[in-house]
Amino acid sequence: MKKLIDFYELTMAYTDFKNGKSDEICYFDVYFRKNLDNGGYNIVGGISEIIEYINNLKFDEEDIEYLKSTQQFDDDFLNYLRNFKFSGDIYAIPDGTIVFANEPIITVKAKAIEAQILETDLLNRFNHATMIATKTTRIVNQAQGKAVMEFGARRAHGLDAAVIGAKYAYIGGAVGTSCYQTGFEFGVPLLGTMAHSHIMKYEDEYQAFLAYAKTYPNNCILLVDTIDTLKSGVVNAIKVAKNYLEPNGYRLKGIRLDSGDLAYLSKCARKMLDENDMQDCQICVSNSLDEYIIKDLLEQKAPIDSFGVGENLITSKSCPVFNGVYKLVATETDGVITPKIKISENVEKITNPTYKKVYRFYDKNTNIALADLIAVASEQIPTDEITIFDEKENWKQTTLKNYVVKELQVPIFKNGQQVYVEPTVEQIRMKVKEELNTVWEEVKRLNNPHKYYVDLSKNLYDLKQNLLYKHLKDKQIKNEKESDINVK
C-alpha cells in the first residue's frame, strides 16, 4: 500500500523516539479555517478512505530498507516502525455531514509517533473528498433539480483524484459519472454519450448517428455540434429519429450541445425538436460548465434538461485547494489532559485548545439547524436552554430554546480497532440530501451566503483566553529579564 508521509513526520517521530516521548498521548484536531469558494457550508468527505488507510498502514521490509538507506534513523527506531500498528482512538463527523469553519471534524487521540505519522495522508484524503463533495452540491443546487453528470476524469489531477473524485461527486448529488473505474469500484451509475471523433470516423454525420442509434436504440443521445449544430447536427438527429428509431418503436432520448452559445442553441434546438413531435427528446449541455454558468443558463430560461460538468467540478477549479489542517490541541499524561494552543500573529491561525466536542442545535419544530457549539469534551450541554455568544464580539448573544442537541463526532477507532460501521455510497449520498434540508436556503446561496454561527462554550472561551494571557504574561516576563541582563 502506498503511504503518503512527509519526511519531516518521520524525523519528528525519530526525535520523539530518542527523547522518550514515543508513548506520550497526543490529541490532534482536523479542521478548516475557511469555507470552499467563500460559500456558506461544506460537506465532509474522505472518512471511508481514511479508515481504509489506517486499517492497512504498516512498514514492510522494502520501506525499512529504504529508510535505512537515508542514514537518518538507527536500528531501534527502524524496528519500532517494523512493528508499527495504529493503536489509538479516532473520532470523526461522518461523511456527508454539513460542517463549518473551525469545527473539529476529526480528532486523533494516539501515541505521539502514531498520531504524527497519520497527518499527511489523513489530510490529503479529507481535503480532496470534502472539496469535491462540497463543490458538487454547489453545482447541483444551481441546477434546480435537473441532472448533473460528472464528466471530468481526463482533467483530474491523477488517477486517484479522478476515481475518488467521481465517487464524491456522486455523493454530492451528481446522478452518475463517465469514469468506468468509479462505477466498477463503488457502483456509481455510468453515463456518457459519444465524442466528436466518433462522428468524424464515419462517412458523414448522419451515418455516424445511425450507427450509434442501431447499437443503442433504447438510450440514444447524439452529440450535435461537430459540424454545425443547427444546420447539420440537430437536423441529422431528427432524421435518424424519423428514419430509424421511431419506425422501429424507439424514441431519440436526447441530444448534447458541447460548444457555442448554449442558451441560444438550446432554445433553437428545442423549437426544432418540438416541431417534429419530439417533445420528449431531452437536451444535455456540456463545455466547461460550473455553478455560475448553470445559474445563468437557467435564469435565461434555456430549455436544458441535464448538465455534463467536467474540469470545473473534478478539480474544483475556482477553489482547487481545500484548507484542512492538523493541529495538536492537547497532551495526556497519567489521565491528565494538558491543553495546547498555537499562537500566531494571524488571529485566524490561533487554535482552539484541548480535547473538544462539537454539538449542533436543531429547532424541534422545523429540524432546521440553529447553531453549532464547540465545547470542552467534559462539559455537559443543557438540553432545555442555552445562551451562546460570538467569540469576537461577545455582546452578540443568542438564547436557544425548544431545540434538540446532537453531538456530531462519532467513534471511528478505539484502541486501534475500527468500531464504526461504514455506510454505503448510497447511504452517504442520501445523508447529503437530508443534511442540506437542515440549513436555511440563505446559507446555500452562491454570493454572500448567510453566516451560520459556530460558537465556543463559555468554558472553552475562558480556557482559550487564559492560555493567551498566560502566553502574553510569560513573554513580558521573558522580555523584562532580557532587558535586565542587557542593562547589567
Protein backbone atom coordinates (compact mmCIF):
# COMPACT_ATOMS: atom_id res chain seq x y z
CA MET A 1 0.00 0.00 0.00
CA LYS A 2 1.24 3.49 -0.85
CA LYS A 3 1.93 5.67 2.17
CA LEU A 4 1.64 9.43 1.93
CA ILE A 5 4.02 10.59 4.66
CA ASP A 6 6.01 13.80 4.68
CA PHE A 7 9.62 13.04 5.63
CA TYR A 8 9.59 15.55 8.47
CA GLU A 9 6.89 13.45 10.17
CA LEU A 10 9.41 10.61 10.35
CA THR A 11 12.25 12.81 11.56
CA MET A 12 9.99 14.32 14.25
CA ALA A 13 8.88 10.82 15.20
CA TYR A 14 12.51 9.75 15.50
CA THR A 15 13.26 12.75 17.69
CA ASP A 16 10.34 11.81 19.97
CA PHE A 17 11.57 8.21 19.99
CA LYS A 18 15.07 9.25 21.09
CA ASN A 19 13.73 11.58 23.76
CA GLY A 20 11.28 9.24 25.46
CA LYS A 21 8.11 10.77 24.01
CA SER A 22 7.03 7.84 21.82
CA ASP A 23 4.18 6.83 24.09
CA GLU A 24 3.02 10.29 25.13
CA ILE A 25 -0.67 10.60 24.29
CA CYS A 26 -1.47 13.48 21.94
CA TYR A 27 -4.74 14.93 20.70
CA PHE A 28 -4.82 16.35 17.17
CA ASP A 29 -7.78 18.10 15.51
CA VAL A 30 -8.52 18.20 11.80
CA TYR A 31 -10.47 21.30 10.85
CA PHE A 32 -10.52 24.02 8.18
CA ARG A 33 -10.39 27.78 8.52
CA LYS A 34 -12.44 28.89 5.51
CA ASN A 35 -15.40 27.53 3.56
CA LEU A 36 -14.83 26.42 -0.02
CA ASP A 37 -15.40 29.17 -2.62
CA ASN A 38 -16.33 31.61 0.16
CA GLY A 39 -19.52 29.59 0.47
CA GLY A 40 -21.75 29.09 3.47
CA TYR A 41 -21.04 25.42 4.27
CA ASN A 42 -19.00 22.33 3.44
CA ILE A 43 -19.72 18.59 3.18
CA VAL A 44 -17.48 16.10 5.00
CA GLY A 45 -15.74 13.57 2.78
CA GLY A 46 -12.85 11.13 2.99
CA ILE A 47 -13.67 9.28 6.22
CA SER A 48 -14.09 5.97 4.38
CA GLU A 49 -10.72 6.38 2.67
CA ILE A 50 -9.04 7.31 5.96
CA ILE A 51 -10.43 4.17 7.60
CA GLU A 52 -9.06 2.01 4.79
CA TYR A 53 -5.65 3.63 5.07
CA ILE A 54 -5.35 3.21 8.84
CA ASN A 55 -6.51 -0.40 8.74
CA ASN A 56 -3.74 -1.24 6.25
CA LEU A 57 -0.95 1.05 7.41
CA LYS A 58 2.33 -0.74 8.07
CA PHE A 59 6.00 -0.51 7.14
CA ASP A 60 7.20 -3.54 5.18
CA GLU A 61 10.80 -4.61 4.68
CA GLU A 62 11.09 -2.57 1.50
CA ASP A 63 10.16 0.56 3.49
CA ILE A 64 12.62 -0.30 6.26
CA GLU A 65 15.47 -0.84 3.82
CA TYR A 66 14.76 2.45 2.07
CA LEU A 67 14.59 4.37 5.35
CA LYS A 68 17.82 2.72 6.45
CA SER A 69 19.47 3.93 3.24
CA THR A 70 18.71 7.56 4.16
CA GLN A 71 21.06 7.18 7.18
CA GLN A 72 18.71 9.27 9.27
CA PHE A 73 17.47 6.62 11.71
CA ASP A 74 19.02 3.99 13.98
CA ASP A 75 18.11 0.31 14.07
CA ASP A 76 15.99 0.63 17.20
CA PHE A 77 13.69 3.15 15.52
CA LEU A 78 13.52 1.08 12.34
CA ASN A 79 12.49 -1.93 14.41
CA TYR A 80 9.82 0.25 16.01
CA LEU A 81 8.48 1.07 12.54
CA ARG A 82 8.73 -2.57 11.50
CA ASN A 83 6.18 -3.37 14.21
CA PHE A 84 4.11 -0.23 13.68
CA LYS A 85 0.34 -0.51 14.07
CA PHE A 86 -2.10 2.25 14.93
CA SER A 87 -3.39 1.68 18.46
CA GLY A 88 -5.17 4.94 19.22
CA ASP A 89 -8.68 6.42 19.09
CA ILE A 90 -10.25 8.44 16.29
CA TYR A 91 -13.49 10.38 16.41
CA ALA A 92 -14.97 11.99 13.31
CA ILE A 93 -18.01 13.71 11.88
CA PRO A 94 -19.35 11.19 9.33
CA ASP A 95 -19.10 11.58 5.56
CA GLY A 96 -21.98 13.55 4.09
CA THR A 97 -22.48 15.86 7.10
CA ILE A 98 -22.68 19.63 6.68
CA VAL A 99 -19.86 21.32 8.61
CA PHE A 100 -18.43 24.78 9.08
CA ALA A 101 -15.10 26.51 9.60
CA ASN A 102 -13.04 25.82 12.75
CA GLU A 103 -15.06 22.82 13.88
CA PRO A 104 -13.05 19.71 14.85
CA ILE A 105 -14.08 17.32 12.07
CA ILE A 106 -11.66 14.57 13.07
CA THR A 107 -9.95 14.11 16.43
CA VAL A 108 -6.99 11.75 16.72
CA LYS A 109 -6.02 10.56 20.20
CA ALA A 110 -2.93 8.42 19.96
CA LYS A 111 0.68 7.93 20.92
CA ALA A 112 2.81 10.81 19.65
CA ILE A 113 4.51 8.90 16.84
CA GLU A 114 1.32 7.21 15.63
CA ALA A 115 -0.60 10.48 15.54
CA GLN A 116 2.23 12.28 13.73
CA ILE A 117 2.64 9.66 11.00
CA LEU A 118 -1.05 9.89 10.07
CA GLU A 119 -1.02 13.62 9.35
CA THR A 120 -0.30 13.99 5.64
CA ASP A 121 -2.29 11.05 4.31
CA LEU A 122 -5.26 11.84 6.53
CA LEU A 123 -5.31 15.48 5.43
CA ASN A 124 -4.90 14.58 1.77
CA ARG A 125 -7.90 12.26 1.80
CA PHE A 126 -10.07 14.58 3.86
CA ASN A 127 -9.23 17.72 1.89
CA HIS A 128 -9.79 16.22 -1.55
CA ALA A 129 -13.03 14.38 -0.82
CA THR A 130 -14.52 17.29 1.15
CA MET A 131 -13.62 19.70 -1.64
CA ILE A 132 -15.29 17.61 -4.37
CA ALA A 133 -18.40 16.74 -2.34
CA THR A 134 -18.89 20.41 -1.43
CA LYS A 135 -18.22 21.69 -4.95
CA THR A 136 -20.73 19.23 -6.38
CA THR A 137 -23.51 20.31 -4.02
CA ARG A 138 -22.92 23.91 -5.08
CA ILE A 139 -23.31 22.92 -8.73
CA VAL A 140 -26.28 20.63 -8.12
CA ASN A 141 -28.06 23.32 -6.06
CA GLN A 142 -27.91 25.67 -9.04
CA ALA A 143 -29.23 23.02 -11.44
CA GLN A 144 -32.66 23.29 -9.78
CA GLY A 145 -33.43 19.59 -9.87
CA LYS A 146 -32.03 18.98 -13.34
CA ALA A 147 -29.49 16.19 -13.63
CA VAL A 148 -25.77 16.90 -13.23
CA MET A 149 -23.32 14.33 -14.63
CA GLU A 150 -19.64 14.13 -13.68
CA PHE A 151 -17.52 14.15 -16.86
CA GLY A 152 -14.09 15.20 -15.60
CA ALA A 153 -11.78 12.16 -15.40
CA ARG A 154 -9.39 13.32 -18.12
CA ARG A 155 -8.91 16.68 -16.42
CA ALA A 156 -8.44 15.32 -12.88
CA HIS A 157 -5.08 15.61 -11.17
CA GLY A 158 -4.17 11.94 -11.43
CA LEU A 159 -5.88 8.55 -11.31
CA ASP A 160 -6.91 8.56 -7.65
CA ALA A 161 -8.25 12.10 -7.95
CA ALA A 162 -10.41 11.03 -10.89
CA VAL A 163 -11.77 7.85 -9.32
CA ILE A 164 -12.33 9.08 -5.75
CA GLY A 165 -13.40 12.50 -7.04
CA ALA A 166 -16.15 10.94 -9.13
CA LYS A 167 -17.30 8.94 -6.10
CA TYR A 168 -17.69 12.11 -4.01
CA ALA A 169 -19.29 13.94 -6.93
CA TYR A 170 -21.99 11.26 -6.88
CA ILE A 171 -22.25 11.55 -3.10
CA GLY A 172 -22.61 15.32 -3.54
CA GLY A 173 -25.60 14.90 -5.86
CA ALA A 174 -24.35 14.13 -9.37
CA VAL A 175 -26.51 11.43 -10.99
CA GLY A 176 -23.55 9.47 -12.29
CA THR A 177 -20.10 9.58 -13.84
CA SER A 178 -18.28 8.85 -17.05
CA CYS A 179 -15.42 7.27 -15.05
CA TYR A 180 -15.52 3.50 -15.53
CA GLN A 181 -13.31 2.71 -12.52
CA THR A 182 -15.61 4.60 -10.16
CA GLY A 183 -18.55 2.58 -11.41
CA PHE A 184 -16.58 -0.64 -11.04
CA GLU A 185 -15.31 0.06 -7.51
CA PHE A 186 -18.24 1.89 -5.94
CA GLY A 187 -21.33 1.07 -8.00
CA VAL A 188 -21.80 4.65 -9.16
CA PRO A 189 -24.02 4.78 -12.30
CA LEU A 190 -22.02 5.07 -15.51
CA LEU A 191 -23.13 7.66 -18.06
CA GLY A 192 -21.89 9.02 -21.36
CA THR A 193 -22.76 9.69 -24.98
CA MET A 194 -20.08 9.96 -27.66
CA ALA A 195 -17.09 12.04 -28.69
CA HIS A 196 -16.67 14.19 -31.78
CA SER A 197 -14.18 11.59 -33.06
CA HIS A 198 -16.98 9.03 -33.36
CA ILE A 199 -18.73 11.23 -35.89
CA MET A 200 -15.54 12.10 -37.76
CA LYS A 201 -14.72 8.40 -38.34
CA TYR A 202 -17.84 7.79 -40.42
CA GLU A 203 -18.75 8.76 -43.96
CA ASP A 204 -20.87 11.63 -42.69
CA GLU A 205 -22.68 12.80 -39.59
CA TYR A 206 -25.91 11.03 -40.47
CA GLN A 207 -24.17 7.65 -40.86
CA ALA A 208 -22.39 8.12 -37.53
CA PHE A 209 -25.68 8.92 -35.78
CA LEU A 210 -27.40 5.99 -37.46
CA ALA A 211 -24.68 3.53 -36.40
CA TYR A 212 -24.98 4.67 -32.80
CA ALA A 213 -28.78 4.56 -32.88
CA LYS A 214 -28.72 0.97 -34.16
CA THR A 215 -26.31 -0.01 -31.39
CA TYR A 216 -28.12 1.78 -28.55
CA PRO A 217 -31.71 2.31 -29.68
CA ASN A 218 -33.04 2.42 -26.11
CA ASN A 219 -30.54 5.01 -24.92
CA CYS A 220 -29.61 7.11 -27.92
CA ILE A 221 -28.16 10.54 -27.14
CA LEU A 222 -26.42 12.26 -30.06
CA LEU A 223 -23.67 14.89 -29.96
CA VAL A 224 -24.83 17.51 -32.44
CA ASP A 225 -22.12 20.20 -32.61
CA THR A 226 -19.30 18.52 -34.58
CA ILE A 227 -20.12 20.27 -37.88
CA ASP A 228 -22.91 22.82 -37.47
CA THR A 229 -25.27 22.47 -34.53
CA LEU A 230 -28.49 23.81 -36.04
CA LYS A 231 -27.95 23.30 -39.79
CA SER A 232 -26.45 19.82 -39.54
CA GLY A 233 -26.38 18.23 -36.08
CA VAL A 234 -29.96 18.71 -34.94
CA VAL A 235 -31.24 18.12 -38.48
CA ASN A 236 -29.45 14.76 -38.74
CA ALA A 237 -30.54 13.76 -35.24
CA ILE A 238 -34.16 14.34 -36.23
CA LYS A 239 -33.64 12.36 -39.46
CA VAL A 240 -32.26 9.37 -37.54
CA ALA A 241 -35.21 9.55 -35.15
CA LYS A 242 -37.72 9.64 -38.01
CA ASN A 243 -35.97 7.22 -40.39
CA TYR A 244 -34.86 4.54 -37.94
CA LEU A 245 -35.77 4.93 -34.26
CA GLU A 246 -39.46 5.72 -34.45
CA PRO A 247 -40.29 3.20 -37.23
CA ASN A 248 -38.73 0.52 -35.00
CA GLY A 249 -40.60 1.51 -31.86
CA TYR A 250 -37.90 3.65 -30.24
CA ARG A 251 -37.53 7.32 -29.38
CA LEU A 252 -34.49 9.58 -29.55
CA LYS A 253 -33.59 10.06 -25.89
CA GLY A 254 -31.60 13.25 -26.26
CA ILE A 255 -29.07 15.49 -27.94
CA ARG A 256 -25.94 17.04 -26.44
CA LEU A 257 -24.57 20.53 -27.06
CA ASP A 258 -20.88 20.97 -26.30
CA SER A 259 -19.99 24.37 -27.75
CA GLY A 260 -21.36 27.76 -28.73
CA ASP A 261 -23.98 29.89 -27.02
CA LEU A 262 -25.72 27.16 -25.04
CA ALA A 263 -28.74 29.29 -24.13
CA TYR A 264 -29.41 30.34 -27.73
CA LEU A 265 -28.66 26.94 -29.26
CA SER A 266 -30.78 25.05 -26.73
CA LYS A 267 -33.76 27.32 -27.43
CA CYS A 268 -33.42 26.85 -31.19
CA ALA A 269 -32.90 23.09 -30.86
CA ARG A 270 -35.91 22.78 -28.57
CA LYS A 271 -38.07 24.53 -31.14
CA MET A 272 -36.84 22.24 -33.93
CA LEU A 273 -37.44 19.11 -31.86
CA ASP A 274 -40.90 20.19 -30.75
CA GLU A 275 -41.92 20.99 -34.33
CA ASN A 276 -41.14 17.36 -35.16
CA ASP A 277 -43.24 15.96 -32.28
CA MET A 278 -40.12 15.16 -30.23
CA GLN A 279 -41.08 16.93 -27.02
CA ASP A 280 -39.69 14.01 -25.02
CA CYS A 281 -36.21 14.36 -26.54
CA GLN A 282 -34.01 15.91 -23.86
CA ILE A 283 -31.25 18.47 -24.25
CA CYS A 284 -27.98 17.93 -22.44
CA VAL A 285 -25.21 20.55 -22.41
CA SER A 286 -21.53 20.46 -21.51
CA ASN A 287 -18.45 22.65 -22.18
CA SER A 288 -16.59 23.94 -19.09
CA LEU A 289 -19.71 24.40 -17.00
CA ASP A 290 -19.74 25.48 -13.37
CA GLU A 291 -22.37 26.59 -10.86
CA TYR A 292 -22.36 30.19 -12.11
CA ILE A 293 -22.80 29.29 -15.79
CA ILE A 294 -25.58 26.84 -14.92
CA LYS A 295 -27.29 29.51 -12.84
CA ASP A 296 -27.07 31.99 -15.74
CA LEU A 297 -28.39 29.47 -18.29
CA LEU A 298 -31.45 28.68 -16.23
CA GLU A 299 -32.07 32.35 -15.45
CA GLN A 300 -32.14 32.87 -19.23
CA LYS A 301 -34.80 30.12 -19.35
CA ALA A 302 -32.63 27.85 -21.51
CA PRO A 303 -34.65 24.63 -22.05
CA ILE A 304 -31.89 22.37 -20.77
CA ASP A 305 -32.64 19.04 -19.09
CA SER A 306 -29.19 17.97 -17.87
CA PHE A 307 -25.63 19.17 -17.47
CA GLY A 308 -22.33 17.38 -18.04
CA VAL A 309 -19.74 19.02 -15.80
CA GLY A 310 -16.04 18.26 -16.17
CA GLU A 311 -12.90 20.08 -15.08
CA ASN A 312 -14.61 22.76 -13.01
CA LEU A 313 -16.04 20.05 -10.78
CA ILE A 314 -13.34 17.37 -10.63
CA THR A 315 -10.60 19.92 -9.89
CA SER A 316 -12.83 22.45 -8.10
CA LYS A 317 -11.16 24.88 -10.48
CA SER A 318 -12.39 28.08 -8.85
CA CYS A 319 -11.01 26.95 -5.46
CA PRO A 320 -8.69 23.98 -6.11
CA VAL A 321 -7.15 23.79 -2.63
CA PHE A 322 -9.15 22.92 0.46
CA ASN A 323 -7.54 24.25 3.63
CA GLY A 324 -7.92 21.46 6.18
CA VAL A 325 -5.21 21.47 8.85
CA TYR A 326 -3.98 19.04 11.54
CA LYS A 327 -3.12 20.69 14.84
CA LEU A 328 -2.01 19.48 18.27
CA VAL A 329 -4.57 20.60 20.87
CA ALA A 330 -3.61 18.60 23.96
CA THR A 331 -1.33 16.02 25.52
CA GLU A 332 -2.21 13.49 28.21
CA THR A 333 -0.10 12.05 31.00
CA ASP A 334 -1.47 9.60 33.57
CA GLY A 335 -5.01 10.51 32.55
CA VAL A 336 -4.47 14.26 32.97
CA ILE A 337 -5.10 16.33 29.83
CA THR A 338 -2.90 19.37 29.27
CA PRO A 339 -4.36 21.86 26.74
CA LYS A 340 -2.08 23.14 23.98
CA ILE A 341 -2.59 26.28 21.89
CA LYS A 342 -0.81 27.51 18.78
CA ILE A 343 -0.15 31.24 18.91
CA SER A 344 0.05 33.27 15.70
CA GLU A 345 0.25 36.87 14.57
CA ASN A 346 -2.63 35.92 12.26
CA VAL A 347 -5.65 35.71 14.56
CA GLU A 348 -7.40 33.12 12.38
CA LYS A 349 -4.45 30.75 12.88
CA ILE A 350 -4.73 30.69 16.68
CA THR A 351 -6.06 27.27 17.57
CA ASN A 352 -8.87 26.26 19.91
CA PRO A 353 -7.13 24.28 22.67
CA THR A 354 -7.78 20.96 24.43
CA TYR A 355 -9.87 17.88 23.69
CA LYS A 356 -13.25 19.10 22.46
CA LYS A 357 -16.64 18.02 21.19
CA VAL A 358 -18.90 19.80 18.71
CA TYR A 359 -22.68 19.98 19.06
CA ARG A 360 -25.48 21.08 16.74
CA PHE A 361 -28.78 22.55 17.89
CA TYR A 362 -31.89 21.83 15.79
CA ASP A 363 -35.25 23.54 16.06
CA LYS A 364 -37.68 20.93 17.42
CA ASN A 365 -40.48 22.04 15.11
CA THR A 366 -38.66 22.54 11.80
CA ASN A 367 -35.48 20.41 12.20
CA ILE A 368 -33.53 23.41 10.90
CA ALA A 369 -30.04 23.77 12.36
CA LEU A 370 -29.82 26.82 14.61
CA ALA A 371 -26.14 26.96 15.55
CA ASP A 372 -23.13 24.80 16.45
CA LEU A 373 -21.18 24.86 19.69
CA ILE A 374 -17.60 23.72 20.29
CA ALA A 375 -17.12 22.72 23.92
CA VAL A 376 -14.57 21.15 26.23
CA ALA A 377 -15.12 17.40 25.97
CA SER A 378 -16.01 17.01 29.66
CA GLU A 379 -18.78 19.65 29.56
CA GLN A 380 -22.45 18.82 29.97
CA ILE A 381 -24.57 20.60 27.36
CA PRO A 382 -28.01 21.82 28.54
CA THR A 383 -30.95 20.18 26.80
CA ASP A 384 -33.56 22.86 27.55
CA GLU A 385 -31.96 26.32 27.21
CA ILE A 386 -28.54 27.74 26.41
CA THR A 387 -27.10 31.18 25.70
CA ILE A 388 -24.33 31.31 23.10
CA PHE A 389 -22.16 34.26 22.10
CA ASP A 390 -19.86 35.41 19.33
CA GLU A 391 -16.20 34.80 20.19
CA LYS A 392 -15.01 38.06 18.63
CA GLU A 393 -17.97 40.25 19.59
CA ASN A 394 -19.09 38.94 22.97
CA TRP A 395 -22.05 41.32 23.16
CA LYS A 396 -23.71 39.36 20.35
CA GLN A 397 -25.65 36.73 22.28
CA THR A 398 -28.50 34.38 21.45
CA THR A 399 -30.56 32.25 23.79
CA LEU A 400 -31.70 28.96 22.24
CA LYS A 401 -34.81 27.12 23.44
CA ASN A 402 -37.06 24.34 22.17
CA TYR A 403 -34.19 22.52 20.49
CA VAL A 404 -32.73 19.07 20.03
CA VAL A 405 -28.97 18.90 20.51
CA LYS A 406 -26.75 16.38 18.73
CA GLU A 407 -23.07 15.56 19.21
CA LEU A 408 -21.58 15.48 15.72
CA GLN A 409 -18.45 13.35 16.11
CA VAL A 410 -18.78 9.58 16.44
CA PRO A 411 -16.16 6.96 17.41
CA ILE A 412 -14.30 5.54 14.40
CA PHE A 413 -11.40 3.68 16.07
CA LYS A 414 -10.99 2.62 19.70
CA ASN A 415 -7.64 1.22 20.81
CA GLY A 416 -6.68 0.78 17.17
CA GLN A 417 -9.78 -1.25 16.28
CA GLN A 418 -12.44 0.02 13.90
CA VAL A 419 -15.74 0.39 15.75
CA TYR A 420 -17.59 2.38 13.10
CA VAL A 421 -19.89 0.63 10.65
CA GLU A 422 -19.26 2.36 7.34
CA PRO A 423 -22.34 3.45 5.40
CA THR A 424 -22.70 2.63 1.71
CA VAL A 425 -22.13 5.21 -1.00
CA GLU A 426 -25.90 5.41 -1.50
CA GLN A 427 -26.46 5.99 2.22
CA ILE A 428 -23.90 8.82 2.28
CA ARG A 429 -25.47 10.33 -0.83
CA MET A 430 -28.87 10.30 0.88
CA LYS A 431 -27.35 11.83 4.02
CA VAL A 432 -26.09 14.78 1.97
CA LYS A 433 -29.62 15.45 0.72
CA GLU A 434 -31.00 15.23 4.25
CA GLU A 435 -28.28 17.49 5.64
CA LEU A 436 -28.87 20.16 3.00
CA ASN A 437 -32.51 20.27 4.08
CA THR A 438 -31.48 21.19 7.63
CA VAL A 439 -29.96 24.58 6.76
CA TRP A 440 -31.63 27.74 5.53
CA GLU A 441 -31.56 28.41 1.77
CA GLU A 442 -29.68 31.63 2.55
CA VAL A 443 -26.74 29.55 3.83
CA LYS A 444 -26.57 27.76 0.46
CA ARG A 445 -26.69 30.76 -1.88
CA LEU A 446 -23.65 31.38 -4.09
CA ASN A 447 -22.93 35.01 -3.32
CA ASN A 448 -22.66 36.45 0.19
CA PRO A 449 -24.24 33.46 1.92
CA HIS A 450 -25.78 33.88 5.34
CA LYS A 451 -23.25 33.18 8.11
CA TYR A 452 -24.06 30.08 10.13
CA TYR A 453 -22.82 30.57 13.68
CA VAL A 454 -20.27 28.27 15.28
CA ASP A 455 -19.53 29.47 18.81
CA LEU A 456 -17.30 28.41 21.66
CA SER A 457 -18.76 27.38 25.00
CA LYS A 458 -18.03 29.72 27.91
CA ASN A 459 -15.64 27.16 29.40
CA LEU A 460 -13.70 26.76 26.17
CA TYR A 461 -13.65 30.52 25.55
CA ASP A 462 -12.27 31.16 29.05
CA LEU A 463 -9.67 28.43 28.67
CA LYS A 464 -8.50 29.89 25.36
CA GLN A 465 -8.30 33.42 26.76
CA ASN A 466 -6.40 32.25 29.85
CA LEU A 467 -3.83 30.46 27.71
CA LEU A 468 -3.43 33.54 25.51
CA TYR A 469 -2.99 35.81 28.53
CA LYS A 470 -0.54 33.37 30.09
CA HIS A 471 1.49 33.37 26.88
CA LEU A 472 1.45 37.19 26.84
CA LYS A 473 2.50 37.37 30.50
CA ASP A 474 5.28 34.82 30.03
CA LYS A 475 6.51 36.80 27.03
CA GLN A 476 6.55 40.03 29.05
CA ILE A 477 8.47 38.39 31.90
CA LYS A 478 10.98 36.98 29.43
CA ASN A 479 11.46 40.40 27.81
CA GLU A 480 11.93 42.04 31.21
CA LYS A 481 14.59 39.50 32.18
CA GLU A 482 16.39 40.02 28.89
CA SER A 483 16.26 43.80 29.45
CA ASP A 484 17.75 43.39 32.93
CA ILE A 485 20.58 41.31 31.53
CA ASN A 486 21.28 43.91 28.84
CA VAL A 487 21.32 46.74 31.42
CA LYS A 488 23.75 44.89 33.69
